[in-house]
């Protein structure tokens, strides 16, 4: 299935190699998406949103979903 993925903040700069549309297997979760993006061990301090609603690792994705990933950790 195809989903749309956007990164905000510094993640946008670090994830330029990821296209806006990603193909992942049916039934995938946010955790699976992190693994697909090479972020399996580095997604702490990040928050995903599916169609603008907060999502968790176990949240299931559907065809055409729009996922936004942001960093919730920042310096001062």
C-alpha atoms as a PDB file:
ATOM      1  CA  UNK A   1       0.000   0.000   0.000  1.00  0.00           C
ATOM      2  CA  UNK A   2       1.102   3.579  -0.541  1.00  0.00           C
ATOM      3  CA  UNK A   3       1.177   6.251   2.138  1.00  0.00           C
ATOM      4  CA  UNK A   4       2.320   9.862   2.124  1.00  0.00           C
ATOM      5  CA  UNK A   5       5.068  10.754   4.602  1.00  0.00           C
ATOM      6  CA  UNK A   6       6.216  14.230   5.638  1.00  0.00           C
ATOM      7  CA  UNK A   7       8.889  15.240   8.117  1.00  0.00           C
ATOM      8  CA  UNK A   8       8.892  18.518  10.039  1.00  0.00           C
ATOM      9  CA  UNK A   9      11.663  20.435  11.769  1.00  0.00           C
ATOM     10  CA  UNK A  10      15.216  19.110  11.634  1.00  0.00           C
ATOM     11  CA  UNK A  11      13.885  15.725  10.523  1.00  0.00           C
ATOM     12  CA  UNK A  12      12.946  17.336   7.222  1.00  0.00           C
ATOM     13  CA  UNK A  13      16.623  18.101   6.617  1.00  0.00           C
ATOM     14  CA  UNK A  14      17.822  14.643   7.633  1.00  0.00           C
ATOM     15  CA  UNK A  15      15.263  12.665   5.608  1.00  0.00           C
ATOM     16  CA  UNK A  16      15.637  14.204   2.156  1.00  0.00           C
ATOM     17  CA  UNK A  17      16.304  10.760   0.661  1.00  0.00           C
ATOM     18  CA  UNK A  18      12.812   9.581   1.609  1.00  0.00           C
ATOM     19  CA  UNK A  19      10.246  10.408  -1.020  1.00  0.00           C
ATOM     20  CA  UNK A  20       6.831  11.795  -0.137  1.00  0.00           C
ATOM     21  CA  UNK A  21       5.101   8.530  -1.130  1.00  0.00           C
ATOM     22  CA  UNK A  22       6.292   5.274   0.410  1.00  0.00           C
ATOM     23  CA  UNK A  23       5.114   1.760  -0.312  1.00  0.00           C
ATOM     24  CA  UNK A  24       4.814  -0.554   2.694  1.00  0.00           C
ATOM     25  CA  UNK A  25       2.981  -3.860   3.266  1.00  0.00           C
ATOM     26  CA  UNK A  26      -0.732  -3.953   4.101  1.00  0.00           C
ATOM     27  CA  UNK A  27      -1.384  -3.957   7.853  1.00  0.00           C
ATOM     28  CA  UNK A  28       1.788  -2.032   8.696  1.00  0.00           C
ATOM     29  CA  UNK A  29       1.959   0.025  11.867  1.00  0.00           C
ATOM     30  CA  UNK A  30       3.797   3.226  12.731  1.00  0.00           C
ATOM     31  CA  UNK A  31       6.494   1.031  14.292  1.00  0.00           C
ATOM     32  CA  UNK A  32       6.838  -0.811  10.969  1.00  0.00           C
ATOM     33  CA  UNK A  33       7.089   2.534   9.179  1.00  0.00           C
ATOM     34  CA  UNK A  34       9.895   3.654  11.497  1.00  0.00           C
ATOM     35  CA  UNK A  35      11.754   0.419  10.682  1.00  0.00           C
ATOM     36  CA  UNK A  36      11.154   0.913   6.948  1.00  0.00           C
ATOM     37  CA  UNK A  37      12.625   4.413   7.217  1.00  0.00           C
ATOM     38  CA  UNK A  38      15.698   3.187   9.120  1.00  0.00           C
ATOM     39  CA  UNK A  39      14.487   4.815  12.320  1.00  0.00           C
ATOM     40  CA  UNK A  40      13.739   1.653  14.316  1.00  0.00           C
ATOM     41  CA  UNK A  41      16.187   2.534  17.080  1.00  0.00           C
ATOM     42  CA  UNK A  42      16.140   6.310  16.766  1.00  0.00           C
ATOM     43  CA  UNK A  43      12.474   7.303  16.915  1.00  0.00           C
ATOM     44  CA  UNK A  44      12.445   8.138  20.621  1.00  0.00           C
ATOM     45  CA  UNK A  45      11.535  11.793  21.042  1.00  0.00           C
ATOM     46  CA  UNK A  46       9.451  11.767  17.884  1.00  0.00           C
ATOM     47  CA  UNK A  47       5.720  11.875  17.355  1.00  0.00           C
ATOM     48  CA  UNK A  48       3.830  10.570  14.364  1.00  0.00           C
ATOM     49  CA  UNK A  49       0.455  11.807  13.196  1.00  0.00           C
ATOM     50  CA  UNK A  50      -1.862   9.934  10.846  1.00  0.00           C
ATOM     51  CA  UNK A  51      -4.141  12.303   8.954  1.00  0.00           C
ATOM     52  CA  UNK A  52      -3.397  14.975  11.599  1.00  0.00           C
ATOM     53  CA  UNK A  53      -4.347  12.729  14.555  1.00  0.00           C
ATOM     54  CA  UNK A  54      -1.688  11.615  17.055  1.00  0.00           C
ATOM     55  CA  UNK A  55      -0.524   8.063  16.398  1.00  0.00           C
ATOM     56  CA  UNK A  56       1.373   5.495  18.456  1.00  0.00           C
ATOM     57  CA  UNK A  57       3.692   2.637  17.518  1.00  0.00           C
ATOM     58  CA  UNK A  58       0.787   0.186  17.304  1.00  0.00           C
ATOM     59  CA  UNK A  59      -1.390   2.482  15.158  1.00  0.00           C
ATOM     60  CA  UNK A  60      -2.278   0.752  11.877  1.00  0.00           C
ATOM     61  CA  UNK A  61      -1.833   2.463   8.548  1.00  0.00           C
ATOM     62  CA  UNK A  62      -4.229   2.354   5.591  1.00  0.00           C
ATOM     63  CA  UNK A  63      -3.801   3.018   1.889  1.00  0.00           C
ATOM     64  CA  UNK A  64      -3.496   6.741   1.221  1.00  0.00           C
ATOM     65  CA  UNK A  65      -2.851   7.785   4.838  1.00  0.00           C
ATOM     66  CA  UNK A  66      -0.850  10.962   5.360  1.00  0.00           C
ATOM     67  CA  UNK A  67       1.778  10.495   8.066  1.00  0.00           C
ATOM     68  CA  UNK A  68       3.677  13.419   9.542  1.00  0.00           C
ATOM     69  CA  UNK A  69       6.659  12.792  11.810  1.00  0.00           C
ATOM     70  CA  UNK A  70       7.988  15.550  14.044  1.00  0.00           C
ATOM     71  CA  UNK A  71      10.631  15.824  16.732  1.00  0.00           C
ATOM     72  CA  UNK A  72       9.146  16.587  20.139  1.00  0.00           C
ATOM     73  CA  UNK A  73      12.593  17.201  21.610  1.00  0.00           C
ATOM     74  CA  UNK A  74      14.284  20.540  21.148  1.00  0.00           C
ATOM     75  CA  UNK A  75      17.095  22.481  22.710  1.00  0.00           C
ATOM     76  CA  UNK A  76      17.016  25.948  24.110  1.00  0.00           C
END
